[in-house]
Amino acid sequence: MTGPAGVFAAIVRRELRRAARSQSEALYPLIFFVLAVVLYPFALGPEPALLARVAAGVVWVAALLAASLSLDTLFRNDYGDGSLELVVLSGTPLALVALAKASAHWLLSGLPILVLAVPLALALELDGTTLVILLASLALGSACMSLVGTAVSALTVGLRGGGMLLAMLILPLYIPLLIFGAAATSNAALGLGAAAELYFLAGLLVLAITLTPWATAAALRIRMG
């Protein structure tokens, strides 16, 4: 299959195969996510009401940090072996490359976090209705994280200490996602409506899909000269 769809599918398959060959890079952020959530009950105590009250914030913060851990490798291997330069010189639409990279990152990071969030949230005493809202907000928020993170990762690729710089740049950008994602789940736990927060996250996702591929393409051109 040729054309944009074929290029998109080829990049996603390549990223998935690379993750299968180097499973540690994909597993470490997920292990961190599980451990970060599991540690909170040891610090706060086993009281169900307290755990249910903080569960949304705990899962969201852990998911945000776990998603950030895997962004440093998004373009690093391609930059190191020279394939990123070949892609830039080949005339392949860089916005399409960026969208494929972000999609692969979500499949390897965001989707597993959604799956792992179910037993972890239940262990933190979340009820079924609140869990559904948590998963909906995480699905929207994690997709935004992958899109925005791809752009920032492209901007810092090849820089000495790029991983630390990436974290410093990306975490402030994730704050709106954290605020509205945790607020949606907290409102659901209190019996209040969460539609406004979910609509806001959906709007951010549409904005990210519209803008971040072009921002990533511009960042790659800057980094590759």
N, C-alpha and C. Protein backbone atom coordinates (compact mmCIF):
# COMPACT_ATOMS: atom_id res chain seq x y z
N MET A 1 0.85 -1.19 0.00
CA MET A 1 0.00 0.00 0.00
C MET A 1 0.88 1.24 0.00
N THR A 2 0.61 2.15 -0.94
CA THR A 2 1.39 3.38 -1.05
C THR A 2 0.54 4.56 -0.63
N GLY A 3 1.15 5.74 -0.72
CA GLY A 3 0.43 6.94 -0.34
C GLY A 3 0.58 7.23 1.14
N PRO A 4 -0.08 8.31 1.60
CA PRO A 4 0.04 8.69 3.02
C PRO A 4 -0.36 7.60 4.00
N ALA A 5 -1.44 6.86 3.67
CA ALA A 5 -1.87 5.77 4.57
C ALA A 5 -0.81 4.69 4.68
N GLY A 6 -0.15 4.38 3.57
CA GLY A 6 0.89 3.38 3.60
C GLY A 6 2.10 3.82 4.39
N VAL A 7 2.49 5.09 4.23
CA VAL A 7 3.62 5.63 4.99
C VAL A 7 3.29 5.62 6.48
N PHE A 8 2.08 6.05 6.82
CA PHE A 8 1.65 6.07 8.22
C PHE A 8 1.72 4.68 8.82
N ALA A 9 1.14 3.69 8.11
CA ALA A 9 1.12 2.32 8.63
C ALA A 9 2.52 1.75 8.75
N ALA A 10 3.39 2.07 7.80
CA ALA A 10 4.76 1.54 7.83
C ALA A 10 5.52 2.08 9.04
N ILE A 11 5.35 3.36 9.34
CA ILE A 11 6.05 3.95 10.49
C ILE A 11 5.54 3.35 11.79
N VAL A 12 4.23 3.19 11.89
CA VAL A 12 3.67 2.61 13.12
C VAL A 12 4.16 1.18 13.30
N ARG A 13 4.15 0.39 12.22
CA ARG A 13 4.64 -1.00 12.32
C ARG A 13 6.11 -1.03 12.71
N ARG A 14 6.89 -0.12 12.17
CA ARG A 14 8.32 -0.08 12.50
C ARG A 14 8.52 0.22 13.99
N GLU A 15 7.75 1.15 14.52
CA GLU A 15 7.87 1.48 15.93
C GLU A 15 7.45 0.31 16.81
N LEU A 16 6.40 -0.39 16.42
CA LEU A 16 5.95 -1.53 17.20
C LEU A 16 6.96 -2.66 17.17
N ARG A 17 7.57 -2.90 16.00
CA ARG A 17 8.60 -3.94 15.91
C ARG A 17 9.83 -3.56 16.73
N ARG A 18 10.19 -2.30 16.71
CA ARG A 18 11.34 -1.86 17.51
C ARG A 18 11.05 -2.07 18.99
N ALA A 19 9.84 -1.76 19.42
CA ALA A 19 9.49 -1.97 20.83
C ALA A 19 9.50 -3.45 21.19
N ALA A 20 9.10 -4.29 20.24
CA ALA A 20 9.12 -5.74 20.51
C ALA A 20 10.55 -6.25 20.66
N ARG A 21 11.49 -5.66 19.91
CA ARG A 21 12.88 -6.08 20.01
C ARG A 21 13.55 -5.55 21.28
N SER A 22 13.13 -4.36 21.71
CA SER A 22 13.70 -3.75 22.92
C SER A 22 12.58 -3.55 23.93
N GLN A 23 12.16 -4.65 24.54
CA GLN A 23 10.97 -4.60 25.39
C GLN A 23 11.18 -3.79 26.66
N SER A 24 12.41 -3.68 27.12
CA SER A 24 12.66 -2.96 28.36
C SER A 24 12.26 -1.49 28.24
N GLU A 25 12.53 -0.88 27.09
CA GLU A 25 12.18 0.53 26.92
C GLU A 25 10.68 0.75 27.01
N ALA A 26 9.90 -0.22 26.56
CA ALA A 26 8.45 -0.10 26.63
C ALA A 26 7.90 -0.49 28.00
N LEU A 27 8.58 -1.42 28.68
CA LEU A 27 8.06 -1.92 29.95
C LEU A 27 8.40 -1.02 31.13
N TYR A 28 9.55 -0.37 31.12
CA TYR A 28 9.96 0.42 32.27
C TYR A 28 8.95 1.51 32.64
N PRO A 29 8.44 2.30 31.69
CA PRO A 29 7.43 3.30 32.07
C PRO A 29 6.16 2.68 32.65
N LEU A 30 5.77 1.52 32.15
CA LEU A 30 4.56 0.87 32.68
C LEU A 30 4.80 0.33 34.08
N ILE A 31 6.00 -0.22 34.31
CA ILE A 31 6.34 -0.68 35.67
C ILE A 31 6.37 0.50 36.62
N PHE A 32 6.92 1.62 36.15
CA PHE A 32 6.94 2.82 36.98
C PHE A 32 5.51 3.26 37.32
N PHE A 33 4.61 3.21 36.34
CA PHE A 33 3.22 3.60 36.57
C PHE A 33 2.58 2.75 37.66
N VAL A 34 2.77 1.44 37.57
CA VAL A 34 2.18 0.54 38.57
C VAL A 34 2.77 0.80 39.96
N LEU A 35 4.09 0.91 40.04
CA LEU A 35 4.73 1.12 41.34
C LEU A 35 4.34 2.46 41.95
N ALA A 36 4.24 3.51 41.13
CA ALA A 36 3.89 4.83 41.65
C ALA A 36 2.49 4.82 42.26
N VAL A 37 1.55 4.11 41.62
CA VAL A 37 0.19 4.04 42.16
C VAL A 37 0.15 3.16 43.41
N VAL A 38 0.86 2.04 43.37
CA VAL A 38 0.83 1.10 44.49
C VAL A 38 1.45 1.69 45.75
N LEU A 39 2.41 2.58 45.62
CA LEU A 39 3.09 3.14 46.79
C LEU A 39 2.19 4.08 47.60
N TYR A 40 1.22 4.70 46.96
CA TYR A 40 0.39 5.68 47.68
C TYR A 40 -0.36 5.08 48.87
N PRO A 41 -0.99 3.91 48.75
CA PRO A 41 -1.68 3.36 49.93
C PRO A 41 -0.75 3.11 51.11
N PHE A 42 0.53 2.80 50.85
CA PHE A 42 1.47 2.61 51.96
C PHE A 42 1.71 3.92 52.70
N ALA A 43 1.68 5.03 51.97
CA ALA A 43 1.91 6.33 52.59
C ALA A 43 0.66 6.90 53.24
N LEU A 44 -0.51 6.65 52.62
CA LEU A 44 -1.75 7.27 53.11
C LEU A 44 -2.53 6.39 54.07
N GLY A 45 -2.25 5.09 54.04
CA GLY A 45 -3.01 4.19 54.89
C GLY A 45 -4.10 3.48 54.11
N PRO A 46 -4.70 2.45 54.70
CA PRO A 46 -5.66 1.61 53.98
C PRO A 46 -7.11 2.10 54.04
N GLU A 47 -7.36 3.29 54.54
CA GLU A 47 -8.74 3.76 54.69
C GLU A 47 -9.41 3.90 53.32
N PRO A 48 -10.48 3.16 53.04
CA PRO A 48 -11.11 3.18 51.70
C PRO A 48 -11.59 4.56 51.28
N ALA A 49 -12.19 5.32 52.19
CA ALA A 49 -12.72 6.63 51.82
C ALA A 49 -11.61 7.57 51.39
N LEU A 50 -10.49 7.54 52.09
CA LEU A 50 -9.36 8.40 51.74
C LEU A 50 -8.76 7.99 50.39
N LEU A 51 -8.60 6.69 50.18
CA LEU A 51 -8.04 6.21 48.92
C LEU A 51 -8.94 6.59 47.74
N ALA A 52 -10.25 6.44 47.91
CA ALA A 52 -11.18 6.79 46.83
C ALA A 52 -11.12 8.28 46.52
N ARG A 53 -10.88 9.10 47.55
CA ARG A 53 -10.85 10.55 47.34
C ARG A 53 -9.62 10.99 46.56
N VAL A 54 -8.48 10.31 46.75
CA VAL A 54 -7.25 10.73 46.09
C VAL A 54 -6.93 9.88 44.86
N ALA A 55 -7.75 8.87 44.56
CA ALA A 55 -7.43 7.92 43.50
C ALA A 55 -7.26 8.60 42.15
N ALA A 56 -8.14 9.54 41.83
CA ALA A 56 -8.07 10.19 40.52
C ALA A 56 -6.75 10.92 40.33
N GLY A 57 -6.36 11.70 41.34
CA GLY A 57 -5.11 12.43 41.24
C GLY A 57 -3.91 11.51 41.21
N VAL A 58 -3.95 10.44 41.98
CA VAL A 58 -2.84 9.50 42.02
C VAL A 58 -2.63 8.85 40.65
N VAL A 59 -3.70 8.33 40.07
CA VAL A 59 -3.60 7.65 38.77
C VAL A 59 -3.18 8.64 37.69
N TRP A 60 -3.72 9.83 37.73
CA TRP A 60 -3.38 10.81 36.70
C TRP A 60 -1.92 11.25 36.78
N VAL A 61 -1.43 11.53 37.97
CA VAL A 61 -0.03 11.95 38.10
C VAL A 61 0.90 10.83 37.67
N ALA A 62 0.60 9.60 38.09
CA ALA A 62 1.44 8.47 37.71
C ALA A 62 1.41 8.26 36.19
N ALA A 63 0.25 8.39 35.57
CA ALA A 63 0.13 8.22 34.13
C ALA A 63 0.91 9.31 33.39
N LEU A 64 0.82 10.52 33.88
CA LEU A 64 1.53 11.64 33.26
C LEU A 64 3.04 11.42 33.30
N LEU A 65 3.55 11.01 34.45
CA LEU A 65 4.99 10.79 34.57
C LEU A 65 5.44 9.58 33.75
N ALA A 66 4.64 8.53 33.74
CA ALA A 66 5.01 7.34 32.98
C ALA A 66 5.04 7.63 31.49
N ALA A 67 4.06 8.39 31.00
CA ALA A 67 4.05 8.74 29.58
C ALA A 67 5.25 9.59 29.21
N SER A 68 5.70 10.43 30.14
CA SER A 68 6.84 11.31 29.87
C SER A 68 8.14 10.52 29.78
N LEU A 69 8.24 9.41 30.51
CA LEU A 69 9.49 8.66 30.55
C LEU A 69 9.87 8.09 29.19
N SER A 70 8.88 7.73 28.39
CA SER A 70 9.17 7.07 27.12
C SER A 70 9.36 8.04 25.96
N LEU A 71 9.19 9.34 26.19
CA LEU A 71 9.28 10.30 25.09
C LEU A 71 10.72 10.53 24.64
N ASP A 72 11.67 10.35 25.53
CA ASP A 72 13.07 10.63 25.18
C ASP A 72 13.57 9.71 24.08
N THR A 73 13.03 8.51 23.99
CA THR A 73 13.49 7.55 22.99
C THR A 73 12.73 7.64 21.67
N LEU A 74 11.76 8.55 21.58
CA LEU A 74 10.88 8.59 20.42
C LEU A 74 11.64 8.84 19.12
N PHE A 75 12.57 9.79 19.16
CA PHE A 75 13.37 10.10 17.97
C PHE A 75 14.86 9.80 18.18
N ARG A 76 15.25 9.42 19.39
CA ARG A 76 16.67 9.28 19.70
C ARG A 76 17.34 8.20 18.86
N ASN A 77 16.70 7.03 18.73
CA ASN A 77 17.30 5.95 17.95
C ASN A 77 17.40 6.32 16.47
N ASP A 78 16.37 6.95 15.95
CA ASP A 78 16.40 7.36 14.54
C ASP A 78 17.48 8.42 14.31
N TYR A 79 17.65 9.30 15.27
CA TYR A 79 18.69 10.32 15.15
C TYR A 79 20.08 9.68 15.23
N GLY A 80 20.22 8.70 16.10
CA GLY A 80 21.53 8.08 16.29
C GLY A 80 22.00 7.27 15.09
N ASP A 81 21.08 6.57 14.43
CA ASP A 81 21.50 5.73 13.29
C ASP A 81 21.40 6.45 11.95
N GLY A 82 20.98 7.71 11.96
CA GLY A 82 20.94 8.49 10.72
C GLY A 82 19.66 8.36 9.93
N SER A 83 18.74 7.48 10.35
CA SER A 83 17.52 7.30 9.57
C SER A 83 16.61 8.52 9.63
N LEU A 84 16.69 9.31 10.71
CA LEU A 84 15.88 10.51 10.80
C LEU A 84 16.29 11.53 9.74
N GLU A 85 17.60 11.64 9.53
CA GLU A 85 18.09 12.54 8.49
C GLU A 85 17.63 12.08 7.11
N LEU A 86 17.63 10.78 6.87
CA LEU A 86 17.16 10.26 5.59
C LEU A 86 15.69 10.55 5.37
N VAL A 87 14.90 10.45 6.44
CA VAL A 87 13.46 10.75 6.32
C VAL A 87 13.26 12.21 5.97
N VAL A 88 14.01 13.10 6.62
CA VAL A 88 13.88 14.53 6.34
C VAL A 88 14.28 14.83 4.89
N LEU A 89 15.37 14.20 4.42
CA LEU A 89 15.86 14.47 3.07
C LEU A 89 15.02 13.78 2.00
N SER A 90 14.26 12.76 2.37
CA SER A 90 13.51 12.00 1.37
C SER A 90 12.28 12.73 0.85
N GLY A 91 11.88 13.78 1.54
CA GLY A 91 10.68 14.50 1.13
C GLY A 91 9.39 13.93 1.69
N THR A 92 9.49 12.92 2.55
CA THR A 92 8.30 12.39 3.22
C THR A 92 7.66 13.48 4.08
N PRO A 93 6.34 13.67 3.99
CA PRO A 93 5.70 14.71 4.81
C PRO A 93 6.00 14.51 6.29
N LEU A 94 6.71 15.45 6.86
CA LEU A 94 7.13 15.29 8.26
C LEU A 94 5.95 15.35 9.22
N ALA A 95 4.89 16.07 8.86
CA ALA A 95 3.70 16.10 9.71
C ALA A 95 3.08 14.71 9.80
N LEU A 96 3.11 13.97 8.69
CA LEU A 96 2.59 12.60 8.69
C LEU A 96 3.48 11.70 9.54
N VAL A 97 4.79 11.89 9.43
CA VAL A 97 5.73 11.13 10.27
C VAL A 97 5.45 11.40 11.75
N ALA A 98 5.23 12.68 12.07
CA ALA A 98 4.96 13.06 13.46
C ALA A 98 3.68 12.41 13.97
N LEU A 99 2.63 12.42 13.15
CA LEU A 99 1.37 11.82 13.57
C LEU A 99 1.51 10.31 13.77
N ALA A 100 2.29 9.66 12.90
CA ALA A 100 2.51 8.22 13.05
C ALA A 100 3.32 7.92 14.31
N LYS A 101 4.34 8.73 14.58
CA LYS A 101 5.15 8.55 15.79
C LYS A 101 4.29 8.71 17.04
N ALA A 102 3.42 9.74 17.05
CA ALA A 102 2.56 9.97 18.20
C ALA A 102 1.58 8.82 18.38
N SER A 103 1.04 8.30 17.27
CA SER A 103 0.11 7.17 17.35
C SER A 103 0.80 5.93 17.90
N ALA A 104 2.02 5.66 17.44
CA ALA A 104 2.76 4.52 17.95
C ALA A 104 3.08 4.68 19.44
N HIS A 105 3.42 5.90 19.83
CA HIS A 105 3.70 6.15 21.25
C HIS A 105 2.47 5.89 22.09
N TRP A 106 1.30 6.31 21.60
CA TRP A 106 0.08 6.06 22.38
C TRP A 106 -0.22 4.57 22.47
N LEU A 107 0.00 3.84 21.39
CA LEU A 107 -0.25 2.40 21.41
C LEU A 107 0.67 1.69 22.40
N LEU A 108 1.90 2.19 22.53
CA LEU A 108 2.88 1.55 23.40
C LEU A 108 2.85 2.07 24.83
N SER A 109 2.29 3.26 25.03
CA SER A 109 2.29 3.86 26.36
C SER A 109 0.88 4.14 26.86
N GLY A 110 0.11 4.92 26.09
CA GLY A 110 -1.21 5.32 26.55
C GLY A 110 -2.18 4.16 26.69
N LEU A 111 -2.24 3.29 25.69
CA LEU A 111 -3.18 2.17 25.75
C LEU A 111 -2.86 1.19 26.88
N PRO A 112 -1.59 0.78 27.07
CA PRO A 112 -1.31 -0.08 28.24
C PRO A 112 -1.63 0.59 29.58
N ILE A 113 -1.42 1.91 29.66
CA ILE A 113 -1.76 2.61 30.90
C ILE A 113 -3.26 2.53 31.16
N LEU A 114 -4.07 2.68 30.10
CA LEU A 114 -5.52 2.54 30.26
C LEU A 114 -5.89 1.16 30.79
N VAL A 115 -5.26 0.13 30.25
CA VAL A 115 -5.56 -1.23 30.69
C VAL A 115 -5.14 -1.44 32.15
N LEU A 116 -3.94 -0.98 32.49
CA LEU A 116 -3.44 -1.14 33.86
C LEU A 116 -4.22 -0.29 34.86
N ALA A 117 -4.79 0.83 34.39
CA ALA A 117 -5.52 1.72 35.30
C ALA A 117 -6.76 1.04 35.88
N VAL A 118 -7.33 0.06 35.18
CA VAL A 118 -8.56 -0.58 35.66
C VAL A 118 -8.33 -1.29 36.99
N PRO A 119 -7.41 -2.28 37.08
CA PRO A 119 -7.23 -2.93 38.39
C PRO A 119 -6.66 -2.00 39.45
N LEU A 120 -5.81 -1.06 39.04
CA LEU A 120 -5.23 -0.14 40.01
C LEU A 120 -6.30 0.78 40.60
N ALA A 121 -7.19 1.28 39.76
CA ALA A 121 -8.25 2.15 40.26
C ALA A 121 -9.22 1.39 41.16
N LEU A 122 -9.53 0.17 40.79
CA LEU A 122 -10.40 -0.65 41.64
C LEU A 122 -9.73 -0.93 42.99
N ALA A 123 -8.41 -1.12 42.98
CA ALA A 123 -7.70 -1.32 44.23
C ALA A 123 -7.73 -0.08 45.11
N LEU A 124 -7.89 1.09 44.49
CA LEU A 124 -8.00 2.34 45.24
C LEU A 124 -9.44 2.69 45.57
N GLU A 125 -10.32 1.71 45.48
CA GLU A 125 -11.71 1.82 45.92
C GLU A 125 -12.57 2.71 45.03
N LEU A 126 -12.24 2.87 43.76
CA LEU A 126 -13.10 3.61 42.85
C LEU A 126 -14.30 2.74 42.46
N ASP A 127 -15.49 3.35 42.39
CA ASP A 127 -16.66 2.60 41.95
C ASP A 127 -16.71 2.55 40.43
N GLY A 128 -17.63 1.77 39.89
CA GLY A 128 -17.69 1.53 38.46
C GLY A 128 -17.94 2.78 37.64
N THR A 129 -18.87 3.63 38.07
CA THR A 129 -19.18 4.85 37.31
C THR A 129 -17.98 5.79 37.26
N THR A 130 -17.34 5.96 38.39
CA THR A 130 -16.17 6.83 38.44
C THR A 130 -15.03 6.26 37.61
N LEU A 131 -14.91 4.95 37.60
CA LEU A 131 -13.86 4.31 36.80
C LEU A 131 -14.06 4.58 35.31
N VAL A 132 -15.29 4.56 34.85
CA VAL A 132 -15.57 4.84 33.44
C VAL A 132 -15.13 6.25 33.08
N ILE A 133 -15.44 7.22 33.95
CA ILE A 133 -15.02 8.60 33.69
C ILE A 133 -13.51 8.72 33.73
N LEU A 134 -12.87 8.01 34.66
CA LEU A 134 -11.41 8.04 34.72
C LEU A 134 -10.80 7.52 33.42
N LEU A 135 -11.32 6.41 32.92
CA LEU A 135 -10.78 5.84 31.69
C LEU A 135 -11.04 6.77 30.50
N ALA A 136 -12.21 7.39 30.45
CA ALA A 136 -12.51 8.32 29.36
C ALA A 136 -11.56 9.51 29.38
N SER A 137 -11.33 10.07 30.57
CA SER A 137 -10.43 11.21 30.67
C SER A 137 -8.99 10.82 30.37
N LEU A 138 -8.58 9.62 30.80
CA LEU A 138 -7.23 9.15 30.51
C LEU A 138 -7.04 8.90 29.01
N ALA A 139 -8.08 8.37 28.36
CA ALA A 139 -7.97 8.12 26.92
C ALA A 139 -7.75 9.42 26.16
N LEU A 140 -8.53 10.44 26.49
CA LEU A 140 -8.36 11.74 25.83
C LEU A 140 -7.03 12.39 26.22
N GLY A 141 -6.72 12.35 27.51
CA GLY A 141 -5.51 13.01 27.98
C GLY A 141 -4.24 12.34 27.51
N SER A 142 -4.21 11.01 27.49
CA SER A 142 -2.99 10.32 27.07
C SER A 142 -2.72 10.54 25.58
N ALA A 143 -3.78 10.65 24.77
CA ALA A 143 -3.58 10.95 23.36
C ALA A 143 -2.97 12.34 23.19
N CYS A 144 -3.46 13.30 23.98
CA CYS A 144 -2.86 14.65 23.96
C CYS A 144 -1.40 14.61 24.40
N MET A 145 -1.12 13.82 25.43
CA MET A 145 0.25 13.71 25.91
C MET A 145 1.18 13.21 24.82
N SER A 146 0.74 12.20 24.06
CA SER A 146 1.58 11.65 23.00
C SER A 146 1.82 12.67 21.90
N LEU A 147 0.79 13.41 21.53
CA LEU A 147 0.92 14.40 20.45
C LEU A 147 1.83 15.54 20.85
N VAL A 148 1.56 16.12 22.02
CA VAL A 148 2.38 17.24 22.49
C VAL A 148 3.80 16.76 22.79
N GLY A 149 3.93 15.59 23.40
CA GLY A 149 5.24 15.06 23.72
C GLY A 149 6.08 14.78 22.50
N THR A 150 5.45 14.37 21.39
CA THR A 150 6.19 14.15 20.16
C THR A 150 6.83 15.43 19.66
N ALA A 151 6.11 16.53 19.73
CA ALA A 151 6.65 17.81 19.27
C ALA A 151 7.84 18.25 20.13
N VAL A 152 7.71 18.12 21.44
CA VAL A 152 8.80 18.53 22.33
C VAL A 152 9.99 17.59 22.19
N SER A 153 9.72 16.29 22.01
CA SER A 153 10.80 15.33 21.81
C SER A 153 11.59 15.65 20.55
N ALA A 154 10.88 16.04 19.48
CA ALA A 154 11.57 16.41 18.25
C ALA A 154 12.45 17.64 18.44
N LEU A 155 12.00 18.55 19.28
CA LEU A 155 12.75 19.79 19.51
C LEU A 155 14.03 19.55 20.30
N THR A 156 14.06 18.51 21.12
CA THR A 156 15.21 18.25 21.99
C THR A 156 16.07 17.10 21.52
N VAL A 157 15.73 16.46 20.41
CA VAL A 157 16.48 15.29 19.96
C VAL A 157 17.92 15.68 19.61
N GLY A 158 18.86 14.88 20.05
CA GLY A 158 20.26 15.12 19.76
C GLY A 158 20.95 16.08 20.68
N LEU A 159 20.22 16.72 21.60
CA LEU A 159 20.84 17.65 22.53
C LEU A 159 21.44 16.90 23.71
N ARG A 160 22.57 17.39 24.20
CA ARG A 160 23.17 16.79 25.40
C ARG A 160 22.27 17.11 26.59
N GLY A 161 21.93 16.10 27.36
CA GLY A 161 21.00 16.29 28.46
C GLY A 161 19.59 16.52 27.99
N GLY A 162 19.27 16.00 26.80
CA GLY A 162 17.96 16.23 26.22
C GLY A 162 16.82 15.64 27.04
N GLY A 163 17.09 14.53 27.73
CA GLY A 163 16.05 13.91 28.54
C GLY A 163 15.57 14.81 29.67
N MET A 164 16.51 15.43 30.37
CA MET A 164 16.14 16.34 31.45
C MET A 164 15.45 17.59 30.90
N LEU A 165 15.96 18.11 29.80
CA LEU A 165 15.34 19.28 29.18
C LEU A 165 13.93 18.95 28.71
N LEU A 166 13.76 17.76 28.16
CA LEU A 166 12.43 17.33 27.71
C LEU A 166 11.44 17.32 28.86
N ALA A 167 11.86 16.77 30.01
CA ALA A 167 10.97 16.73 31.17
C ALA A 167 10.61 18.13 31.65
N MET A 168 11.58 19.03 31.66
CA MET A 168 11.33 20.40 32.11
C MET A 168 10.37 21.13 31.18
N LEU A 169 10.44 20.83 29.90
CA LEU A 169 9.57 21.49 28.93
C LEU A 169 8.18 20.88 28.89
N ILE A 170 8.10 19.57 29.02
CA ILE A 170 6.83 18.89 28.78
C ILE A 170 5.90 18.90 29.98
N LEU A 171 6.43 18.80 31.19
CA LEU A 171 5.56 18.68 32.36
C LEU A 171 4.67 19.91 32.56
N PRO A 172 5.17 21.15 32.40
CA PRO A 172 4.24 22.29 32.51
C PRO A 172 3.13 22.27 31.47
N LEU A 173 3.40 21.74 30.29
CA LEU A 173 2.37 21.67 29.24
C LEU A 173 1.29 20.66 29.58
N TYR A 174 1.63 19.70 30.43
CA TYR A 174 0.66 18.67 30.81
C TYR A 174 -0.26 19.10 31.95
N ILE A 175 0.02 20.21 32.58
CA ILE A 175 -0.76 20.62 33.75
C ILE A 175 -2.25 20.78 33.44
N PRO A 176 -2.66 21.44 32.33
CA PRO A 176 -4.11 21.51 32.04
C PRO A 176 -4.77 20.15 31.90
N LEU A 177 -4.06 19.20 31.29
CA LEU A 177 -4.61 17.86 31.17
C LEU A 177 -4.81 17.23 32.54
N LEU A 178 -3.83 17.41 33.41
CA LEU A 178 -3.92 16.86 34.78
C LEU A 178 -5.08 17.48 35.54
N ILE A 179 -5.22 18.79 35.44
CA ILE A 179 -6.27 19.49 36.20
C ILE A 179 -7.66 19.01 35.77
N PHE A 180 -7.92 19.03 34.47
CA PHE A 180 -9.26 18.69 34.01
C PHE A 180 -9.52 17.18 34.04
N GLY A 181 -8.48 16.38 33.83
CA GLY A 181 -8.68 14.94 33.92
C GLY A 181 -9.00 14.49 35.34
N ALA A 182 -8.25 15.00 36.30
CA ALA A 182 -8.51 14.64 37.70
C ALA A 182 -9.83 15.24 38.17
N ALA A 183 -10.15 16.46 37.70
CA ALA A 183 -11.41 17.09 38.11
C ALA A 183 -12.62 16.31 37.59
N ALA A 184 -12.53 15.78 36.37
CA ALA A 184 -13.64 15.00 35.82
C ALA A 184 -13.92 13.78 36.69
N THR A 185 -12.86 13.08 37.08
CA THR A 185 -13.03 11.88 37.90
C THR A 185 -13.51 12.24 39.30
N SER A 186 -12.99 13.31 39.86
CA SER A 186 -13.41 13.74 41.20
C SER A 186 -14.88 14.14 41.20
N ASN A 187 -15.31 14.85 40.17
CA ASN A 187 -16.73 15.22 40.08
C ASN A 187 -17.62 13.99 39.98
N ALA A 188 -17.19 13.01 39.19
CA ALA A 188 -17.97 11.78 39.07
C ALA A 188 -18.07 11.06 40.41
N ALA A 189 -16.99 11.07 41.18
CA ALA A 189 -17.01 10.42 42.49
C ALA A 189 -17.96 11.11 43.45
N LEU A 190 -18.15 12.42 43.26
CA LEU A 190 -19.06 13.19 44.12
C LEU A 190 -20.49 13.21 43.60
N GLY A 191 -20.73 12.54 42.49
CA GLY A 191 -22.06 12.53 41.92
C GLY A 191 -22.38 13.74 41.05
N LEU A 192 -21.37 14.51 40.71
CA LEU A 192 -21.55 15.69 39.86
C LEU A 192 -21.27 15.34 38.41
N GLY A 193 -21.67 16.23 37.50
CA GLY A 193 -21.45 16.00 36.09
C GLY A 193 -19.99 16.20 35.72
N ALA A 194 -19.51 15.39 34.81
CA ALA A 194 -18.11 15.49 34.35
C ALA A 194 -18.03 15.83 32.88
N ALA A 195 -19.17 16.18 32.27
CA ALA A 195 -19.20 16.42 30.82
C ALA A 195 -18.32 17.60 30.42
N ALA A 196 -18.35 18.67 31.22
CA ALA A 196 -17.61 19.87 30.85
C ALA A 196 -16.11 19.58 30.77
N GLU A 197 -15.59 18.86 31.75
CA GLU A 197 -14.16 18.54 31.75
C GLU A 197 -13.80 17.62 30.58
N LEU A 198 -14.66 16.65 30.30
CA LEU A 198 -14.38 15.75 29.18
C LEU A 198 -14.45 16.48 27.84
N TYR A 199 -15.39 17.41 27.70
CA TYR A 199 -15.46 18.22 26.48
C TYR A 199 -14.20 19.07 26.33
N PHE A 200 -13.71 19.59 27.44
CA PHE A 200 -12.49 20.40 27.38
C PHE A 200 -11.31 19.54 26.94
N LEU A 201 -11.19 18.34 27.49
CA LEU A 201 -10.11 17.44 27.08
C LEU A 201 -10.25 17.04 25.61
N ALA A 202 -11.49 16.82 25.16
CA ALA A 202 -11.70 16.49 23.76
C ALA A 202 -11.31 17.67 22.86
N GLY A 203 -11.62 18.90 23.31
CA GLY A 203 -11.21 20.07 22.54
C GLY A 203 -9.70 20.20 22.47
N LEU A 204 -9.02 19.92 23.58
CA LEU A 204 -7.56 19.94 23.56
C LEU A 204 -6.99 18.88 22.62
N LEU A 205 -7.64 17.73 22.56
CA LEU A 205 -7.17 16.67 21.66
C LEU A 205 -7.32 17.10 20.20
N VAL A 206 -8.45 17.71 19.87
CA VAL A 206 -8.65 18.20 18.49
C VAL A 206 -7.61 19.26 18.16
N LEU A 207 -7.36 20.16 19.10
CA LEU A 207 -6.34 21.19 18.88
C LEU A 207 -4.96 20.57 18.71
N ALA A 208 -4.65 19.55 19.51
CA ALA A 208 -3.35 18.90 19.41
C ALA A 208 -3.19 18.18 18.08
N ILE A 209 -4.24 17.50 17.62
CA ILE A 209 -4.18 16.81 16.33
C ILE A 209 -3.98 17.81 15.20
N THR A 210 -4.57 18.99 15.35
CA THR A 210 -4.49 20.00 14.31
C THR A 210 -3.12 20.66 14.25
N LEU A 211 -2.52 20.94 15.39
CA LEU A 211 -1.32 21.78 15.43
C LEU A 211 -0.01 21.02 15.64
N THR A 212 -0.01 20.01 16.50
CA THR A 212 1.27 19.41 16.90
C THR A 212 2.02 18.69 15.77
N PRO A 213 1.35 18.04 14.80
CA PRO A 213 2.14 17.45 13.72
C PRO A 213 2.96 18.49 12.95
N TRP A 214 2.41 19.66 12.73
CA TRP A 214 3.15 20.71 12.03
C TRP A 214 4.25 21.28 12.92
N ALA A 215 3.98 21.39 14.22
CA ALA A 215 5.02 21.84 15.14
C ALA A 215 6.16 20.84 15.20
N THR A 216 5.84 19.55 15.19
CA THR A 216 6.87 18.52 15.19
C THR A 216 7.69 18.58 13.91
N ALA A 217 7.02 18.77 12.78
CA ALA A 217 7.73 18.87 11.50
C ALA A 217 8.69 20.05 11.50
N ALA A 218 8.25 21.19 12.02
CA ALA A 218 9.12 22.36 12.09
C ALA A 218 10.30 22.10 13.02
N ALA A 219 10.05 21.43 14.15
CA ALA A 219 11.13 21.13 15.10
C ALA A 219 12.16 20.19 14.47
N LEU A 220 11.70 19.21 13.70
CA LEU A 220 12.64 18.29 13.05
C LEU A 220 13.50 19.03 12.01
N ARG A 221 12.90 19.94 11.28
CA ARG A 221 13.69 20.70 10.29
C ARG A 221 14.74 21.55 11.01
N ILE A 222 14.37 22.12 12.14
CA ILE A 222 15.33 22.95 12.89
C ILE A 222 16.48 22.07 13.41
N ARG A 223 16.14 20.92 13.98
CA ARG A 223 17.17 20.07 14.57
C ARG A 223 18.09 19.45 13.51
N MET A 224 17.51 19.14 12.34
CA MET A 224 18.32 18.50 11.30
C MET A 224 18.98 19.52 10.38
N GLY A 225 18.81 20.80 10.65
CA GLY A 225 19.48 21.85 9.90
C GLY A 225 18.86 22.09 8.54
